[in-house]
N, C-alpha and C. Protein backbone atom coordinates (compact mmCIF):
# COMPACT_ATOMS: atom_id res chain seq x y z
N MET A 1 -2.40 -27.73 -13.16
CA MET A 1 -1.17 -26.97 -13.02
C MET A 1 -0.86 -26.24 -14.28
N HIS A 2 -0.32 -25.13 -14.16
CA HIS A 2 0.18 -24.34 -15.36
C HIS A 2 1.16 -25.11 -16.12
N PRO A 3 1.13 -25.16 -17.45
CA PRO A 3 2.01 -26.03 -18.30
C PRO A 3 3.46 -25.48 -18.14
N ALA A 4 3.71 -24.26 -17.90
CA ALA A 4 5.08 -23.78 -17.77
C ALA A 4 5.62 -23.91 -16.30
N ALA A 5 4.81 -24.28 -15.40
CA ALA A 5 5.22 -24.35 -13.99
C ALA A 5 6.17 -25.60 -13.82
N PRO A 6 7.26 -25.48 -13.18
CA PRO A 6 8.11 -26.68 -12.89
C PRO A 6 7.35 -27.65 -11.96
N MET A 7 7.49 -28.96 -12.19
CA MET A 7 6.91 -29.91 -11.38
C MET A 7 7.65 -30.11 -10.14
N GLU A 8 9.00 -30.10 -10.09
CA GLU A 8 9.73 -30.30 -8.90
C GLU A 8 10.90 -29.43 -8.88
N GLY A 9 11.41 -29.16 -7.67
CA GLY A 9 12.59 -28.30 -7.60
C GLY A 9 13.37 -28.67 -6.34
N GLU A 10 14.56 -28.17 -6.26
CA GLU A 10 15.42 -28.52 -5.09
C GLU A 10 15.25 -27.38 -4.11
N GLY A 11 14.74 -27.57 -2.96
CA GLY A 11 14.53 -26.60 -2.04
C GLY A 11 15.65 -26.46 -1.05
N MET A 12 15.49 -25.64 0.05
CA MET A 12 16.56 -25.34 1.06
C MET A 12 17.16 -26.68 1.60
N THR A 13 16.30 -27.74 1.65
CA THR A 13 16.89 -28.98 2.26
C THR A 13 17.74 -29.76 1.25
N GLY A 14 17.74 -29.43 0.06
CA GLY A 14 18.44 -30.21 -0.98
C GLY A 14 17.63 -31.27 -1.55
N ARG A 15 16.45 -31.59 -1.11
CA ARG A 15 15.56 -32.63 -1.57
C ARG A 15 14.65 -32.05 -2.67
N MET A 16 14.30 -32.95 -3.53
CA MET A 16 13.37 -32.47 -4.60
C MET A 16 12.02 -32.32 -3.98
N GLN A 17 11.42 -31.12 -4.24
CA GLN A 17 10.09 -30.78 -3.53
C GLN A 17 9.24 -30.18 -4.67
N PRO A 18 7.90 -30.43 -4.63
CA PRO A 18 7.07 -29.78 -5.54
C PRO A 18 7.11 -28.34 -5.39
N ARG A 19 6.94 -27.61 -6.57
CA ARG A 19 6.92 -26.21 -6.53
C ARG A 19 5.53 -25.77 -6.74
N ARG A 20 5.07 -24.71 -6.09
CA ARG A 20 3.79 -24.09 -6.27
C ARG A 20 3.93 -22.58 -6.50
N PRO A 21 3.00 -22.01 -7.10
CA PRO A 21 2.97 -20.61 -7.27
C PRO A 21 2.73 -19.86 -5.98
N ARG A 22 3.42 -18.70 -5.83
CA ARG A 22 3.30 -17.81 -4.62
C ARG A 22 2.97 -16.42 -5.22
N SER A 23 2.31 -15.72 -4.35
CA SER A 23 1.85 -14.32 -4.76
C SER A 23 2.80 -13.26 -4.10
N VAL A 24 3.08 -12.29 -4.80
CA VAL A 24 3.84 -11.13 -4.28
C VAL A 24 3.14 -9.85 -4.67
N TYR A 25 2.78 -9.08 -3.68
CA TYR A 25 2.02 -7.89 -3.85
C TYR A 25 3.01 -6.74 -4.32
N CYS A 26 2.79 -6.08 -5.46
CA CYS A 26 3.52 -4.97 -5.93
C CYS A 26 2.71 -4.21 -6.88
N SER A 27 3.19 -2.92 -7.19
CA SER A 27 2.50 -2.06 -8.06
C SER A 27 2.78 -2.59 -9.52
N LEU A 28 2.03 -2.07 -10.44
CA LEU A 28 2.30 -2.39 -11.85
C LEU A 28 3.72 -1.95 -12.26
N GLU A 29 4.11 -0.76 -11.83
CA GLU A 29 5.51 -0.24 -12.13
C GLU A 29 6.53 -1.17 -11.56
N GLU A 30 6.35 -1.64 -10.31
CA GLU A 30 7.32 -2.55 -9.77
C GLU A 30 7.30 -3.93 -10.52
N ARG A 31 6.14 -4.40 -10.90
CA ARG A 31 6.11 -5.59 -11.56
C ARG A 31 6.87 -5.56 -12.91
N ASP A 32 6.64 -4.44 -13.60
CA ASP A 32 7.36 -4.17 -14.88
C ASP A 32 8.77 -4.09 -14.67
N ALA A 33 9.34 -3.43 -13.57
CA ALA A 33 10.69 -3.31 -13.33
C ALA A 33 11.34 -4.65 -12.95
N ILE A 34 10.58 -5.49 -12.30
CA ILE A 34 11.10 -6.78 -11.96
C ILE A 34 11.22 -7.71 -13.22
N ARG A 35 10.26 -7.58 -14.13
CA ARG A 35 10.33 -8.31 -15.36
C ARG A 35 11.41 -7.88 -16.20
N GLN A 36 11.71 -6.57 -16.24
CA GLN A 36 12.78 -6.05 -17.08
C GLN A 36 14.07 -6.52 -16.46
N ALA A 37 14.29 -6.45 -15.15
CA ALA A 37 15.49 -6.81 -14.50
C ALA A 37 15.76 -8.35 -14.77
N ALA A 38 14.61 -9.10 -14.63
CA ALA A 38 14.85 -10.62 -14.85
C ALA A 38 15.23 -10.82 -16.28
N ALA A 39 14.62 -10.14 -17.18
CA ALA A 39 15.00 -10.34 -18.69
C ALA A 39 16.38 -9.98 -18.86
N ALA A 40 16.85 -8.83 -18.27
CA ALA A 40 18.25 -8.34 -18.39
C ALA A 40 19.22 -9.34 -17.88
N ALA A 41 18.89 -10.13 -16.78
CA ALA A 41 19.70 -11.04 -16.23
C ALA A 41 19.64 -12.41 -16.88
N GLY A 42 18.75 -12.49 -17.90
CA GLY A 42 18.64 -13.87 -18.55
C GLY A 42 17.91 -14.86 -17.73
N LYS A 43 17.06 -14.51 -16.91
CA LYS A 43 16.33 -15.39 -15.95
C LYS A 43 14.81 -15.22 -16.08
N SER A 44 14.06 -16.25 -15.64
CA SER A 44 12.66 -16.11 -15.47
C SER A 44 12.40 -15.20 -14.34
N VAL A 45 11.16 -14.65 -14.16
CA VAL A 45 10.92 -13.84 -13.02
C VAL A 45 11.05 -14.59 -11.77
N SER A 46 10.64 -15.88 -11.73
CA SER A 46 10.71 -16.65 -10.52
C SER A 46 12.15 -16.95 -10.15
N ALA A 47 13.03 -17.29 -11.07
CA ALA A 47 14.42 -17.52 -10.78
C ALA A 47 15.05 -16.33 -10.39
N PHE A 48 14.66 -15.16 -10.95
CA PHE A 48 15.31 -13.88 -10.58
C PHE A 48 14.97 -13.47 -9.13
N VAL A 49 13.68 -13.62 -8.85
CA VAL A 49 13.18 -13.27 -7.42
C VAL A 49 13.82 -14.15 -6.32
N ILE A 50 13.81 -15.43 -6.70
CA ILE A 50 14.39 -16.38 -5.82
C ILE A 50 15.93 -16.15 -5.57
N GLY A 51 16.61 -15.93 -6.61
CA GLY A 51 18.03 -15.61 -6.62
C GLY A 51 18.32 -14.35 -5.81
N ARG A 52 17.49 -13.33 -6.05
CA ARG A 52 17.77 -12.14 -5.25
C ARG A 52 17.52 -12.22 -3.87
N ALA A 53 16.41 -12.97 -3.46
CA ALA A 53 16.02 -13.12 -2.09
C ALA A 53 16.93 -14.18 -1.30
N LEU A 54 17.35 -15.25 -2.00
CA LEU A 54 18.02 -16.26 -1.25
C LEU A 54 19.44 -16.52 -1.65
N GLU A 55 19.84 -16.35 -2.80
CA GLU A 55 21.12 -16.86 -3.34
C GLU A 55 22.13 -15.77 -3.51
N ASP A 56 21.83 -14.83 -4.41
CA ASP A 56 22.88 -13.93 -4.86
C ASP A 56 22.60 -12.42 -4.54
N GLY A 57 21.77 -12.20 -3.53
CA GLY A 57 21.48 -10.78 -3.27
C GLY A 57 22.69 -10.03 -2.85
N GLU A 58 23.59 -10.69 -2.13
CA GLU A 58 24.87 -9.95 -1.68
C GLU A 58 25.72 -9.72 -2.90
N GLU A 59 25.84 -10.68 -3.77
CA GLU A 59 26.65 -10.59 -4.94
C GLU A 59 26.27 -9.58 -5.94
N GLU A 60 24.98 -9.33 -6.04
CA GLU A 60 24.42 -8.40 -7.00
C GLU A 60 23.93 -7.16 -6.39
N GLY A 61 24.60 -6.70 -5.24
CA GLY A 61 24.23 -5.48 -4.74
C GLY A 61 23.01 -5.34 -3.76
N GLY A 62 22.78 -6.60 -3.10
CA GLY A 62 21.66 -6.60 -2.21
C GLY A 62 22.00 -5.73 -0.99
N ALA A 63 21.05 -5.63 -0.14
CA ALA A 63 21.16 -4.81 1.10
C ALA A 63 22.40 -5.13 1.88
N ALA A 64 22.85 -6.35 1.94
CA ALA A 64 24.00 -6.74 2.80
C ALA A 64 25.23 -6.93 1.98
N ALA A 65 25.31 -6.33 0.86
CA ALA A 65 26.45 -6.44 0.00
C ALA A 65 27.79 -5.86 0.69
N LEU A 66 27.60 -4.74 1.45
CA LEU A 66 28.72 -4.11 2.10
C LEU A 66 28.49 -4.03 3.57
N THR A 67 29.49 -4.22 4.39
CA THR A 67 29.36 -4.07 5.82
C THR A 67 29.30 -2.48 6.12
N GLU A 68 28.89 -2.19 7.40
CA GLU A 68 28.88 -0.79 7.63
C GLU A 68 30.21 -0.07 7.51
N GLU A 69 31.29 -0.81 7.97
CA GLU A 69 32.65 -0.37 7.76
C GLU A 69 32.98 -0.15 6.32
N GLU A 70 32.57 -1.00 5.42
CA GLU A 70 32.87 -0.90 4.02
C GLU A 70 32.11 0.23 3.38
N ARG A 71 30.84 0.46 3.81
CA ARG A 71 30.10 1.64 3.28
C ARG A 71 30.67 2.85 3.73
N VAL A 72 31.17 3.02 4.94
CA VAL A 72 31.81 4.21 5.44
C VAL A 72 33.10 4.53 4.61
N GLU A 73 33.89 3.44 4.38
CA GLU A 73 35.11 3.53 3.60
C GLU A 73 34.74 3.95 2.15
N LEU A 74 33.77 3.40 1.56
CA LEU A 74 33.39 3.85 0.19
C LEU A 74 32.92 5.15 0.14
N ARG A 75 32.09 5.53 1.16
CA ARG A 75 31.59 6.99 1.19
C ARG A 75 32.73 7.99 1.26
N ASP A 76 33.69 7.58 2.20
CA ASP A 76 34.85 8.53 2.33
C ASP A 76 35.71 8.71 1.14
N GLY A 77 35.88 7.50 0.50
CA GLY A 77 36.62 7.55 -0.83
C GLY A 77 35.94 8.43 -1.92
N VAL A 78 34.56 8.28 -1.97
CA VAL A 78 33.89 9.11 -2.93
C VAL A 78 33.93 10.59 -2.59
N LEU A 79 33.87 10.85 -1.33
CA LEU A 79 34.04 12.34 -0.91
C LEU A 79 35.44 12.81 -1.31
N ARG A 80 36.48 12.03 -0.93
CA ARG A 80 37.83 12.49 -1.32
C ARG A 80 38.02 12.66 -2.83
N LEU A 81 37.42 11.80 -3.65
CA LEU A 81 37.41 11.91 -5.10
C LEU A 81 36.77 13.12 -5.54
N ALA A 82 35.56 13.40 -4.92
CA ALA A 82 34.77 14.59 -5.32
C ALA A 82 35.62 15.83 -5.06
N ALA A 83 36.17 15.84 -3.84
CA ALA A 83 36.96 17.04 -3.39
C ALA A 83 38.19 17.25 -4.34
N THR A 84 38.83 16.18 -4.77
CA THR A 84 39.99 16.21 -5.70
C THR A 84 39.53 16.86 -7.05
N MET A 85 38.32 16.46 -7.49
CA MET A 85 37.71 16.91 -8.74
C MET A 85 37.09 18.27 -8.64
N GLY A 86 36.98 18.80 -7.41
CA GLY A 86 36.39 20.15 -7.28
C GLY A 86 34.88 20.15 -7.28
N VAL A 87 34.24 19.05 -6.98
CA VAL A 87 32.77 18.94 -6.85
C VAL A 87 32.42 19.62 -5.54
N PRO A 88 31.50 20.54 -5.61
CA PRO A 88 31.03 21.21 -4.37
C PRO A 88 30.23 20.24 -3.48
N GLN A 89 30.54 20.27 -2.19
CA GLN A 89 29.90 19.37 -1.21
C GLN A 89 28.69 20.02 -0.65
N ARG A 90 27.75 19.15 -0.31
CA ARG A 90 26.58 19.56 0.37
C ARG A 90 26.94 20.06 1.71
N GLY A 91 26.21 21.07 2.17
CA GLY A 91 26.41 21.51 3.57
C GLY A 91 25.87 20.39 4.60
N ALA A 92 26.26 20.58 5.79
CA ALA A 92 25.97 19.56 6.75
C ALA A 92 24.41 19.56 7.08
N GLY A 93 23.78 20.74 6.89
CA GLY A 93 22.44 20.84 7.09
C GLY A 93 21.51 20.58 5.93
N GLU A 94 22.07 20.35 4.80
CA GLU A 94 21.24 20.18 3.63
C GLU A 94 20.72 18.76 3.54
N ALA A 95 19.55 18.57 3.08
CA ALA A 95 18.93 17.28 2.95
C ALA A 95 19.40 16.63 1.56
N PRO A 96 19.60 15.38 1.59
CA PRO A 96 19.96 14.76 0.16
C PRO A 96 18.75 14.82 -0.73
N GLU A 97 19.05 14.83 -2.02
CA GLU A 97 18.02 14.96 -3.04
C GLU A 97 17.36 13.65 -3.25
């Protein structure tokens, strides 16, 4: 076993369970981005990935951070703010950049 690998950990059941390495397929650029994000969060890559996937994805801007209603409200607020500031709006037929 790798010397830095944890011997045991608490799983979804709350019991101590052996931990084993798992593979994740990603590009070199994605791997580097994950390492940088983990370092910025002060976590190991393993702790960062587990946290994003299971624990704190919603709290840190994961896909389910906002409900559809909240996304619409946020979008409308941003559009109102942009209009107040005189930012030109994209036309209905224009594709986002």
